[in-house]
Amino acid sequence: MLTGVDMATQHADIFHKESTFSFVVDDVDARNDQDDSQVLHKLINDAALDLRPCSQCKDKEQSDARIQQIKVEAESRKIAFARLLEEHAQVIRRLKHLEEDGAALNTSQA
């Protein structure tokens, strides 16, 4: 059974552990193409935040500067992710257009 001190210590440890995450969005039509997925996964992992320095900040000024830096980095990642989504949508539109052109050619040749 945990005492109040043990629970507080255990609870405090949770906040000091490094936290990382990643996610990959795959197109249903491109499930066999793992190269793009691996590149995106690597980019996300490389850009993962390391929150350990925040726990070592001693004063409010350093904390505020770190928070501002995190916000700027997050906005940059958001813009990059939006650009990737738009590029993905363009590729899908081109593929659908090519499929439609191919289907039209096959119909006219038959």
PDB file of N, CA and C in Angstrom:
ATOM      1  N   MET A   1       0.841  -1.184   0.000  1.00  0.00           N
ATOM      2  CA  MET A   1       0.000   0.000   0.000  1.00  0.00           C
ATOM      3  C   MET A   1       0.885   1.245   0.000  1.00  0.00           C
ATOM      4  N   LEU A   2       0.513   2.237  -0.787  1.00  0.00           N
ATOM      5  CA  LEU A   2       1.296   3.459  -0.891  1.00  0.00           C
ATOM      6  C   LEU A   2       0.868   4.451   0.176  1.00  0.00           C
ATOM      7  N   THR A   3       1.839   5.050   0.829  1.00  0.00           N
ATOM      8  CA  THR A   3       1.538   6.111   1.785  1.00  0.00           C
ATOM      9  C   THR A   3       1.421   7.416   1.022  1.00  0.00           C
ATOM     10  N   GLY A   4       1.008   8.463   1.717  1.00  0.00           N
ATOM     11  CA  GLY A   4       0.892   9.772   1.080  1.00  0.00           C
ATOM     12  C   GLY A   4       2.210  10.237   0.500  1.00  0.00           C
ATOM     13  N   VAL A   5       3.306   9.982   1.192  1.00  0.00           N
ATOM     14  CA  VAL A   5       4.628  10.387   0.711  1.00  0.00           C
ATOM     15  C   VAL A   5       4.998   9.589  -0.528  1.00  0.00           C
ATOM     16  N   ASP A   6       4.754   8.266  -0.485  1.00  0.00           N
ATOM     17  CA  ASP A   6       5.064   7.428  -1.643  1.00  0.00           C
ATOM     18  C   ASP A   6       4.253   7.858  -2.862  1.00  0.00           C
ATOM     19  N   MET A   7       2.979   8.142  -2.654  1.00  0.00           N
ATOM     20  CA  MET A   7       2.128   8.545  -3.769  1.00  0.00           C
ATOM     21  C   MET A   7       2.598   9.877  -4.344  1.00  0.00           C
ATOM     22  N   ALA A   8       2.989  10.806  -3.487  1.00  0.00           N
ATOM     23  CA  ALA A   8       3.477  12.097  -3.970  1.00  0.00           C
ATOM     24  C   ALA A   8       4.764  11.923  -4.758  1.00  0.00           C
ATOM     25  N   THR A   9       5.648  11.068  -4.266  1.00  0.00           N
ATOM     26  CA  THR A   9       6.902  10.804  -4.971  1.00  0.00           C
ATOM     27  C   THR A   9       6.621  10.149  -6.315  1.00  0.00           C
ATOM     28  N   GLN A  10       5.739   9.167  -6.297  1.00  0.00           N
ATOM     29  CA  GLN A  10       5.392   8.483  -7.541  1.00  0.00           C
ATOM     30  C   GLN A  10       4.746   9.474  -8.512  1.00  0.00           C
ATOM     31  N   HIS A  11       3.863  10.312  -8.017  1.00  0.00           N
ATOM     32  CA  HIS A  11       3.187  11.298  -8.849  1.00  0.00           C
ATOM     33  C   HIS A  11       4.193  12.301  -9.419  1.00  0.00           C
ATOM     34  N   ALA A  12       5.134  12.743  -8.622  1.00  0.00           N
ATOM     35  CA  ALA A  12       6.146  13.701  -9.082  1.00  0.00           C
ATOM     36  C   ALA A  12       7.031  13.086 -10.159  1.00  0.00           C
ATOM     37  N   ASP A  13       7.335  11.800 -10.042  1.00  0.00           N
ATOM     38  CA  ASP A  13       8.174  11.133 -11.037  1.00  0.00           C
ATOM     39  C   ASP A  13       7.517  11.138 -12.413  1.00  0.00           C
ATOM     40  N   ILE A  14       6.225  11.074 -12.444  1.00  0.00           N
ATOM     41  CA  ILE A  14       5.505  11.038 -13.717  1.00  0.00           C
ATOM     42  C   ILE A  14       5.787  12.304 -14.519  1.00  0.00           C
ATOM     43  N   PHE A  15       5.871  13.448 -13.859  1.00  0.00           N
ATOM     44  CA  PHE A  15       6.057  14.709 -14.561  1.00  0.00           C
ATOM     45  C   PHE A  15       7.478  14.915 -15.052  1.00  0.00           C
ATOM     46  N   HIS A  16       8.445  14.181 -14.545  1.00  0.00           N
ATOM     47  CA  HIS A  16       9.834  14.394 -14.927  1.00  0.00           C
ATOM     48  C   HIS A  16      10.317  13.422 -15.996  1.00  0.00           C
ATOM     49  N   LYS A  17       9.479  12.475 -16.385  1.00  0.00           N
ATOM     50  CA  LYS A  17       9.891  11.518 -17.408  1.00  0.00           C
ATOM     51  C   LYS A  17       9.768  12.154 -18.786  1.00  0.00           C
ATOM     52  N   GLU A  18      10.675  11.766 -19.641  1.00  0.00           N
ATOM     53  CA  GLU A  18      10.669  12.270 -21.009  1.00  0.00           C
ATOM     54  C   GLU A  18       9.449  11.710 -21.732  1.00  0.00           C
ATOM     55  N   SER A  19       8.805  12.538 -22.500  1.00  0.00           N
ATOM     56  CA  SER A  19       7.607  12.130 -23.213  1.00  0.00           C
ATOM     57  C   SER A  19       7.806  12.395 -24.698  1.00  0.00           C
ATOM     58  N   THR A  20       7.634  11.377 -25.510  1.00  0.00           N
ATOM     59  CA  THR A  20       7.699  11.553 -26.958  1.00  0.00           C
ATOM     60  C   THR A  20       6.530  10.823 -27.586  1.00  0.00           C
ATOM     61  N   PHE A  21       6.165  11.231 -28.773  1.00  0.00           N
ATOM     62  CA  PHE A  21       5.117  10.562 -29.511  1.00  0.00           C
ATOM     63  C   PHE A  21       5.362  10.761 -30.992  1.00  0.00           C
ATOM     64  N   SER A  22       4.710   9.928 -31.764  1.00  0.00           N
ATOM     65  CA  SER A  22       4.775  10.091 -33.204  1.00  0.00           C
ATOM     66  C   SER A  22       3.526   9.482 -33.815  1.00  0.00           C
ATOM     67  N   PHE A  23       3.181   9.932 -35.003  1.00  0.00           N
ATOM     68  CA  PHE A  23       2.082   9.344 -35.735  1.00  0.00           C
ATOM     69  C   PHE A  23       2.372   9.463 -37.219  1.00  0.00           C
ATOM     70  N   VAL A  24       1.775   8.547 -37.972  1.00  0.00           N
ATOM     71  CA  VAL A  24       1.977   8.518 -39.413  1.00  0.00           C
ATOM     72  C   VAL A  24       0.607   8.405 -40.064  1.00  0.00           C
ATOM     73  N   VAL A  25       0.351   9.231 -41.054  1.00  0.00           N
ATOM     74  CA  VAL A  25      -0.904   9.180 -41.788  1.00  0.00           C
ATOM     75  C   VAL A  25      -0.619   8.525 -43.127  1.00  0.00           C
ATOM     76  N   ASP A  26      -1.213   7.372 -43.357  1.00  0.00           N
ATOM     77  CA  ASP A  26      -1.009   6.644 -44.603  1.00  0.00           C
ATOM     78  C   ASP A  26      -2.241   6.775 -45.482  1.00  0.00           C
ATOM     79  N   ASP A  27      -2.025   6.910 -46.769  1.00  0.00           N
ATOM     80  CA  ASP A  27      -3.103   6.906 -47.728  1.00  0.00           C
ATOM     81  C   ASP A  27      -3.516   5.460 -47.983  1.00  0.00           C
ATOM     82  N   VAL A  28      -4.799   5.222 -48.031  1.00  0.00           N
ATOM     83  CA  VAL A  28      -5.306   3.867 -48.245  1.00  0.00           C
ATOM     84  C   VAL A  28      -4.813   3.311 -49.576  1.00  0.00           C
ATOM     85  N   ASP A  29      -4.740   4.165 -50.601  1.00  0.00           N
ATOM     86  CA  ASP A  29      -4.324   3.722 -51.932  1.00  0.00           C
ATOM     87  C   ASP A  29      -2.825   3.479 -52.030  1.00  0.00           C
ATOM     88  N   ALA A  30      -2.042   3.952 -51.052  1.00  0.00           N
ATOM     89  CA  ALA A  30      -0.581   3.852 -51.136  1.00  0.00           C
ATOM     90  C   ALA A  30       0.000   3.042 -49.982  1.00  0.00           C
ATOM     91  N   ARG A  31      -0.718   2.050 -49.513  1.00  0.00           N
ATOM     92  CA  ARG A  31      -0.254   1.271 -48.365  1.00  0.00           C
ATOM     93  C   ARG A  31       1.042   0.518 -48.648  1.00  0.00           C
ATOM     94  N   ASN A  32       1.325   0.207 -49.891  1.00  0.00           N
ATOM     95  CA  ASN A  32       2.548  -0.526 -50.217  1.00  0.00           C
ATOM     96  C   ASN A  32       3.771   0.378 -50.271  1.00  0.00           C
ATOM     97  N   ASP A  33       3.571   1.661 -50.343  1.00  0.00           N
ATOM     98  CA  ASP A  33       4.687   2.592 -50.448  1.00  0.00           C
ATOM     99  C   ASP A  33       5.114   3.026 -49.054  1.00  0.00           C
ATOM    100  N   GLN A  34       6.055   2.290 -48.472  1.00  0.00           N
ATOM    101  CA  GLN A  34       6.499   2.550 -47.107  1.00  0.00           C
ATOM    102  C   GLN A  34       7.569   3.631 -47.029  1.00  0.00           C
ATOM    103  N   ASP A  35       8.217   3.968 -48.151  1.00  0.00           N
ATOM    104  CA  ASP A  35       9.298   4.956 -48.118  1.00  0.00           C
ATOM    105  C   ASP A  35       8.820   6.308 -47.610  1.00  0.00           C
ATOM    106  N   ASP A  36       7.713   6.823 -48.172  1.00  0.00           N
ATOM    107  CA  ASP A  36       7.192   8.121 -47.740  1.00  0.00           C
ATOM    108  C   ASP A  36       6.779   8.071 -46.286  1.00  0.00           C
ATOM    109  N   SER A  37       6.168   6.968 -45.897  1.00  0.00           N
ATOM    110  CA  SER A  37       5.737   6.809 -44.513  1.00  0.00           C
ATOM    111  C   SER A  37       6.928   6.830 -43.569  1.00  0.00           C
ATOM    112  N   GLN A  38       8.008   6.166 -43.955  1.00  0.00           N
ATOM    113  CA  GLN A  38       9.202   6.129 -43.107  1.00  0.00           C
ATOM    114  C   GLN A  38       9.862   7.498 -43.025  1.00  0.00           C
ATOM    115  N   VAL A  39       9.866   8.247 -44.122  1.00  0.00           N
ATOM    116  CA  VAL A  39      10.445   9.590 -44.114  1.00  0.00           C
ATOM    117  C   VAL A  39       9.648  10.492 -43.182  1.00  0.00           C
ATOM    118  N   LEU A  40       8.318  10.443 -43.282  1.00  0.00           N
ATOM    119  CA  LEU A  40       7.477  11.258 -42.412  1.00  0.00           C
ATOM    120  C   LEU A  40       7.668  10.867 -40.955  1.00  0.00           C
ATOM    121  N   HIS A  41       7.722   9.571 -40.691  1.00  0.00           N
ATOM    122  CA  HIS A  41       7.926   9.088 -39.323  1.00  0.00           C
ATOM    123  C   HIS A  41       9.251   9.601 -38.768  1.00  0.00           C
ATOM    124  N   LYS A  42      10.298   9.580 -39.586  1.00  0.00           N
ATOM    125  CA  LYS A  42      11.609  10.067 -39.138  1.00  0.00           C
ATOM    126  C   LYS A  42      11.567  11.566 -38.860  1.00  0.00           C
ATOM    127  N   LEU A  43      10.906  12.328 -39.736  1.00  0.00           N
ATOM    128  CA  LEU A  43      10.802  13.772 -39.520  1.00  0.00           C
ATOM    129  C   LEU A  43      10.091  14.087 -38.213  1.00  0.00           C
ATOM    130  N   ILE A  44       9.026  13.369 -37.945  1.00  0.00           N
ATOM    131  CA  ILE A  44       8.272  13.615 -36.712  1.00  0.00           C
ATOM    132  C   ILE A  44       9.102  13.244 -35.501  1.00  0.00           C
ATOM    133  N   ASN A  45       9.798  12.108 -35.566  1.00  0.00           N
ATOM    134  CA  ASN A  45      10.627  11.700 -34.428  1.00  0.00           C
ATOM    135  C   ASN A  45      11.791  12.656 -34.209  1.00  0.00           C
ATOM    136  N   ASP A  46      12.405  13.145 -35.299  1.00  0.00           N
ATOM    137  CA  ASP A  46      13.524  14.080 -35.167  1.00  0.00           C
ATOM    138  C   ASP A  46      13.075  15.389 -34.536  1.00  0.00           C
ATOM    139  N   ALA A  47      11.829  15.753 -34.777  1.00  0.00           N
ATOM    140  CA  ALA A  47      11.330  17.029 -34.272  1.00  0.00           C
ATOM    141  C   ALA A  47      10.660  16.908 -32.907  1.00  0.00           C
ATOM    142  N   ALA A  48      10.656  15.700 -32.327  1.00  0.00           N
ATOM    143  CA  ALA A  48       9.981  15.498 -31.033  1.00  0.00           C
ATOM    144  C   ALA A  48      10.609  16.384 -29.958  1.00  0.00           C
ATOM    145  N   LEU A  49       9.752  16.918 -29.122  1.00  0.00           N
ATOM    146  CA  LEU A  49      10.241  17.798 -28.054  1.00  0.00           C
ATOM    147  C   LEU A  49      10.863  16.990 -26.931  1.00  0.00           C
ATOM    148  N   ASP A  50      11.938  17.510 -26.395  1.00  0.00           N
ATOM    149  CA  ASP A  50      12.539  16.950 -25.190  1.00  0.00           C
ATOM    150  C   ASP A  50      12.188  17.908 -24.063  1.00  0.00           C
ATOM    151  N   LEU A  51      11.308  17.484 -23.174  1.00  0.00           N
ATOM    152  CA  LEU A  51      10.807  18.372 -22.137  1.00  0.00           C
ATOM    153  C   LEU A  51      11.683  18.411 -20.901  1.00  0.00           C
ATOM    154  N   ARG A  52      12.731  17.615 -20.853  1.00  0.00           N
ATOM    155  CA  ARG A  52      13.577  17.597 -19.661  1.00  0.00           C
ATOM    156  C   ARG A  52      14.173  18.957 -19.314  1.00  0.00           C
ATOM    157  N   PRO A  53      14.651  19.761 -20.273  1.00  0.00           N
ATOM    158  CA  PRO A  53      15.215  21.057 -19.882  1.00  0.00           C
ATOM    159  C   PRO A  53      14.207  21.955 -19.163  1.00  0.00           C
ATOM    160  N   CYS A  54      12.915  21.818 -19.473  1.00  0.00           N
ATOM    161  CA  CYS A  54      11.924  22.658 -18.805  1.00  0.00           C
ATOM    162  C   CYS A  54      11.896  22.397 -17.310  1.00  0.00           C
ATOM    163  N   SER A  55      12.085  21.155 -16.907  1.00  0.00           N
ATOM    164  CA  SER A  55      12.040  20.843 -15.484  1.00  0.00           C
ATOM    165  C   SER A  55      13.247  21.415 -14.755  1.00  0.00           C
ATOM    166  N   GLN A  56      14.283  21.815 -15.491  1.00  0.00           N
ATOM    167  CA  GLN A  56      15.494  22.344 -14.877  1.00  0.00           C
ATOM    168  C   GLN A  56      15.516  23.873 -14.863  1.00  0.00           C
ATOM    169  N   CYS A  57      14.507  24.515 -15.445  1.00  0.00           N
ATOM    170  CA  CYS A  57      14.464  25.974 -15.468  1.00  0.00           C
ATOM    171  C   CYS A  57      14.323  26.498 -14.046  1.00  0.00           C
ATOM    172  N   LYS A  58      15.110  27.503 -13.719  1.00  0.00           N
ATOM    173  CA  LYS A  58      15.139  28.013 -12.348  1.00  0.00           C
ATOM    174  C   LYS A  58      14.266  29.238 -12.155  1.00  0.00           C
ATOM    175  N   ASP A  59      14.086  30.030 -13.161  1.00  0.00           N
ATOM    176  CA  ASP A  59      13.295  31.235 -12.938  1.00  0.00           C
ATOM    177  C   ASP A  59      12.244  31.418 -14.024  1.00  0.00           C
ATOM    178  N   LYS A  60      11.322  32.313 -13.767  1.00  0.00           N
ATOM    179  CA  LYS A  60      10.191  32.540 -14.659  1.00  0.00           C
ATOM    180  C   LYS A  60      10.636  33.012 -16.043  1.00  0.00           C
ATOM    181  N   GLU A  61      11.664  33.817 -16.103  1.00  0.00           N
ATOM    182  CA  GLU A  61      12.136  34.338 -17.385  1.00  0.00           C
ATOM    183  C   GLU A  61      12.594  33.208 -18.308  1.00  0.00           C
ATOM    184  N   GLN A  62      13.367  32.269 -17.771  1.00  0.00           N
ATOM    185  CA  GLN A  62      13.810  31.125 -18.572  1.00  0.00           C
ATOM    186  C   GLN A  62      12.616  30.279 -18.989  1.00  0.00           C
ATOM    187  N   SER A  63      11.675  30.081 -18.069  1.00  0.00           N
ATOM    188  CA  SER A  63      10.487  29.286 -18.381  1.00  0.00           C
ATOM    189  C   SER A  63       9.672  29.940 -19.489  1.00  0.00           C
ATOM    190  N   ASP A  64       9.476  31.246 -19.380  1.00  0.00           N
ATOM    191  CA  ASP A  64       8.711  31.956 -20.407  1.00  0.00           C
ATOM    192  C   ASP A  64       9.401  31.889 -21.766  1.00  0.00           C
ATOM    193  N   ALA A  65      10.715  32.013 -21.774  1.00  0.00           N
ATOM    194  CA  ALA A  65      11.468  31.925 -23.029  1.00  0.00           C
ATOM    195  C   ALA A  65      11.324  30.534 -23.640  1.00  0.00           C
ATOM    196  N   ARG A  66      11.391  29.509 -22.809  1.00  0.00           N
ATOM    197  CA  ARG A  66      11.248  28.127 -23.296  1.00  0.00           C
ATOM    198  C   ARG A  66       9.835  27.892 -23.833  1.00  0.00           C
ATOM    199  N   ILE A  67       8.837  28.425 -23.145  1.00  0.00           N
ATOM    200  CA  ILE A  67       7.455  28.286 -23.609  1.00  0.00           C
ATOM    201  C   ILE A  67       7.290  28.958 -24.969  1.00  0.00           C
ATOM    202  N   GLN A  68       7.848  30.146 -25.124  1.00  0.00           N
ATOM    203  CA  GLN A  68       7.768  30.851 -26.404  1.00  0.00           C
ATOM    204  C   GLN A  68       8.471  30.055 -27.505  1.00  0.00           C
ATOM    205  N   GLN A  69       9.623  29.485 -27.194  1.00  0.00           N
ATOM    206  CA  GLN A  69      10.355  28.677 -28.166  1.00  0.00           C
ATOM    207  C   GLN A  69       9.522  27.465 -28.583  1.00  0.00           C
ATOM    208  N   ILE A  70       8.877  26.816 -27.630  1.00  0.00           N
ATOM    209  CA  ILE A  70       8.034  25.654 -27.928  1.00  0.00           C
ATOM    210  C   ILE A  70       6.878  26.071 -28.830  1.00  0.00           C
ATOM    211  N   LYS A  71       6.270  27.225 -28.549  1.00  0.00           N
ATOM    212  CA  LYS A  71       5.160  27.706 -29.377  1.00  0.00           C
ATOM    213  C   LYS A  71       5.614  27.969 -30.813  1.00  0.00           C
ATOM    214  N   VAL A  72       6.782  28.582 -30.968  1.00  0.00           N
ATOM    215  CA  VAL A  72       7.313  28.863 -32.308  1.00  0.00           C
ATOM    216  C   VAL A  72       7.594  27.555 -33.047  1.00  0.00           C
ATOM    217  N   GLU A  73       8.212  26.588 -32.357  1.00  0.00           N
ATOM    218  CA  GLU A  73       8.502  25.292 -32.974  1.00  0.00           C
ATOM    219  C   GLU A  73       7.213  24.573 -33.351  1.00  0.00           C
ATOM    220  N   ALA A  74       6.209  24.648 -32.493  1.00  0.00           N
ATOM    221  CA  ALA A  74       4.931  23.992 -32.775  1.00  0.00           C
ATOM    222  C   ALA A  74       4.264  24.617 -33.997  1.00  0.00           C
ATOM    223  N   GLU A  75       4.293  25.929 -34.094  1.00  0.00           N
ATOM    224  CA  GLU A  75       3.704  26.607 -35.248  1.00  0.00           C
ATOM    225  C   GLU A  75       4.443  26.223 -36.529  1.00  0.00           C
ATOM    226  N   SER A  76       5.754  26.135 -36.452  1.00  0.00           N
ATOM    227  CA  SER A  76       6.553  25.732 -37.608  1.00  0.00           C
ATOM    228  C   SER A  76       6.187  24.315 -38.050  1.00  0.00           C
ATOM    229  N   ARG A  77       6.053  23.417 -37.092  1.00  0.00           N
ATOM    230  CA  ARG A  77       5.668  22.036 -37.420  1.00  0.00           C
ATOM    231  C   ARG A  77       4.262  21.982 -37.993  1.00  0.00           C
ATOM    232  N   LYS A  78       3.378  22.804 -37.451  1.00  0.00           N
ATOM    233  CA  LYS A  78       2.000  22.850 -37.944  1.00  0.00           C
ATOM    234  C   LYS A  78       1.978  23.273 -39.413  1.00  0.00           C
ATOM    235  N   ILE A  79       2.752  24.291 -39.753  1.00  0.00           N
ATOM    236  CA  ILE A  79       2.828  24.771 -41.138  1.00  0.00           C
ATOM    237  C   ILE A  79       3.426  23.691 -42.043  1.00  0.00           C
ATOM    238  N   ALA A  80       4.488  23.038 -41.574  1.00  0.00           N
ATOM    239  CA  ALA A  80       5.122  21.973 -42.370  1.00  0.00           C
ATOM    240  C   ALA A  80       4.157  20.812 -42.577  1.00  0.00           C
ATOM    241  N   PHE A  81       3.405  20.461 -41.539  1.00  0.00           N
ATOM    242  CA  PHE A  81       2.452  19.359 -41.649  1.00  0.00           C
ATOM    243  C   PHE A  81       1.329  19.725 -42.618  1.00  0.00           C
ATOM    244  N   ALA A  82       0.850  20.963 -42.561  1.00  0.00           N
ATOM    245  CA  ALA A  82      -0.185  21.405 -43.496  1.00  0.00           C
ATOM    246  C   ALA A  82       0.326  21.338 -44.932  1.00  0.00           C
ATOM    247  N   ARG A  83       1.594  21.718 -45.128  1.00  0.00           N
ATOM    248  CA  ARG A  83       2.192  21.647 -46.464  1.00  0.00           C
ATOM    249  C   ARG A  83       2.260  20.187 -46.940  1.00  0.00           C
ATOM    250  N   LEU A  84       2.644  19.278 -46.044  1.00  0.00           N
ATOM    251  CA  LEU A  84       2.690  17.860 -46.409  1.00  0.00           C
ATOM    252  C   LEU A  84       1.304  17.331 -46.762  1.00  0.00           C
ATOM    253  N   LEU A  85       0.300  17.740 -46.000  1.00  0.00           N
ATOM    254  CA  LEU A  85      -1.066  17.303 -46.301  1.00  0.00           C
ATOM    255  C   LEU A  85      -1.523  17.827 -47.661  1.00  0.00           C
ATOM    256  N   GLU A  86      -1.188  19.070 -47.974  1.00  0.00           N
ATOM    257  CA  GLU A  86      -1.561  19.632 -49.269  1.00  0.00           C
ATOM    258  C   GLU A  86      -0.828  18.911 -50.403  1.00  0.00           C
ATOM    259  N   GLU A  87       0.450  18.621 -50.221  1.00  0.00           N
ATOM    260  CA  GLU A  87       1.201  17.870 -51.232  1.00  0.00           C
ATOM    261  C   GLU A  87       0.590  16.487 -51.425  1.00  0.00           C
ATOM    262  N   HIS A  88       0.196  15.865 -50.345  1.00  0.00           N
ATOM    263  CA  HIS A  88      -0.436  14.545 -50.413  1.00  0.00           C
ATOM    264  C   HIS A  88      -1.741  14.639 -51.202  1.00  0.00           C
ATOM    265  N   ALA A  89      -2.542  15.658 -50.920  1.00  0.00           N
ATOM    266  CA  ALA A  89      -3.807  15.832 -51.629  1.00  0.00           C
ATOM    267  C   ALA A  89      -3.568  16.054 -53.123  1.00  0.00           C
ATOM    268  N   GLN A  90      -2.526  16.810 -53.472  1.00  0.00           N
ATOM    269  CA  GLN A  90      -2.200  17.034 -54.878  1.00  0.00           C
ATOM    270  C   GLN A  90      -1.814  15.729 -55.565  1.00  0.00           C
ATOM    271  N   VAL A  91      -1.031  14.906 -54.894  1.00  0.00           N
ATOM    272  CA  VAL A  91      -0.626  13.615 -55.460  1.00  0.00           C
ATOM    273  C   VAL A  91      -1.856  12.744 -55.690  1.00  0.00           C
ATOM    274  N   ILE A  92      -2.756  12.711 -54.727  1.00  0.00           N
ATOM    275  CA  ILE A  92      -3.973  11.904 -54.866  1.00  0.00           C
ATOM    276  C   ILE A  92      -4.814  12.416 -56.034  1.00  0.00           C
ATOM    277  N   ARG A  93      -4.946  13.739 -56.152  1.00  0.00           N
ATOM    278  CA  ARG A  93      -5.711  14.299 -57.281  1.00  0.00           C
ATOM    279  C   ARG A  93      -5.074  13.911 -58.611  1.00  0.00           C
ATOM    280  N   ARG A  94      -3.735  13.991 -58.697  1.00  0.00           N
ATOM    281  CA  ARG A  94      -3.041  13.603 -59.938  1.00  0.00           C
ATOM    282  C   ARG A  94      -3.249  12.119 -60.242  1.00  0.00           C
ATOM    283  N   LEU A  95      -3.164  11.280 -59.218  1.00  0.00           N
ATOM    284  CA  LEU A  95      -3.366   9.846 -59.431  1.00  0.00           C
ATOM    285  C   LEU A  95      -4.783   9.552 -59.914  1.00  0.00           C
ATOM    286  N   LYS A  96      -5.763  10.191 -59.301  1.00  0.00           N
ATOM    287  CA  LYS A  96      -7.149   9.977 -59.728  1.00  0.00           C
ATOM    288  C   LYS A  96      -7.345  10.457 -61.157  1.00  0.00           C
ATOM    289  N   HIS A  97      -6.728  11.581 -61.493  1.00  0.00           N
ATOM    290  CA  HIS A  97      -6.815  12.100 -62.861  1.00  0.00           C
ATOM    291  C   HIS A  97      -6.186  11.110 -63.841  1.00  0.00           C
ATOM    292  N   LEU A  98      -5.019  10.570 -63.492  1.00  0.00           N
ATOM    293  CA  LEU A  98      -4.363   9.580 -64.351  1.00  0.00           C
ATOM    294  C   LEU A  98      -5.207   8.318 -64.477  1.00  0.00           C
ATOM    295  N   GLU A  99      -5.815   7.886 -63.370  1.00  0.00           N
ATOM    296  CA  GLU A  99      -6.681   6.705 -63.420  1.00  0.00           C
ATOM    297  C   GLU A  99      -7.875   6.951 -64.331  1.00  0.00           C
ATOM    298  N   GLU A 100      -8.466   8.153 -64.226  1.00  0.00           N
ATOM    299  CA  GLU A 100      -9.607   8.489 -65.085  1.00  0.00           C
ATOM    300  C   GLU A 100      -9.187   8.539 -66.551  1.00  0.00           C
ATOM    301  N   ASP A 101      -8.019   9.124 -66.829  1.00  0.00           N
ATOM    302  CA  ASP A 101      -7.513   9.162 -68.203  1.00  0.00           C
ATOM    303  C   ASP A 101      -7.247   7.754 -68.720  1.00  0.00           C
ATOM    304  N   GLY A 102      -6.679   6.902 -67.884  1.00  0.00           N
ATOM    305  CA  GLY A 102      -6.414   5.521 -68.275  1.00  0.00           C
ATOM    306  C   GLY A 102      -7.697   4.757 -68.529  1.00  0.00           C
ATOM    307  N   ALA A 103      -8.697   4.982 -67.699  1.00  0.00           N
ATOM    308  CA  ALA A 103      -9.986   4.318 -67.889  1.00  0.00           C
ATOM    309  C   ALA A 103     -10.649   4.811 -69.170  1.00  0.00           C
ATOM    310  N   ALA A 104     -10.529   6.104 -69.458  1.00  0.00           N
ATOM    311  CA  ALA A 104     -11.110   6.659 -70.683  1.00  0.00           C
ATOM    312  C   ALA A 104     -10.413   6.088 -71.913  1.00  0.00           C
ATOM    313  N   LEU A 105      -9.092   5.924 -71.851  1.00  0.00           N
ATOM    314  CA  LEU A 105      -8.353   5.336 -72.972  1.00  0.00           C
ATOM    315  C   LEU A 105      -8.764   3.890 -73.191  1.00  0.00           C
ATOM    316  N   ASN A 106      -8.898   3.136 -72.113  1.00  0.00           N
ATOM    317  CA  ASN A 106      -9.300   1.735 -72.226  1.00  0.00           C
ATOM    318  C   ASN A 106     -10.707   1.616 -72.782  1.00  0.00           C
ATOM    319  N   THR A 107     -11.594   2.516 -72.428  1.00  0.00           N
ATOM    320  CA  THR A 107     -12.967   2.488 -72.923  1.00  0.00           C
ATOM    321  C   THR A 107     -13.004   2.836 -74.407  1.00  0.00           C
ATOM    322  N   SER A 108     -12.218   3.817 -74.822  1.00  0.00           N
ATOM    323  CA  SER A 108     -12.224   4.230 -76.228  1.00  0.00           C
ATOM    324  C   SER A 108     -11.550   3.198 -77.124  1.00  0.00           C
ATOM    325  N   GLN A 109     -10.609   2.428 -76.575  1.00  0.00           N
ATOM    326  CA  GLN A 109      -9.920   1.411 -77.365  1.00  0.00           C
ATOM    327  C   GLN A 109     -10.756   0.147 -77.496  1.00  0.00           C
ATOM    328  N   ALA A 110     -11.691  -0.055 -76.618  1.00  0.00           N
ATOM    329  CA  ALA A 110     -12.495  -1.276 -76.635  1.00  0.00           C
ATOM    330  C   ALA A 110     -13.576  -1.239 -77.647  1.00  0.00           C
TER     331      ALA A 110
END
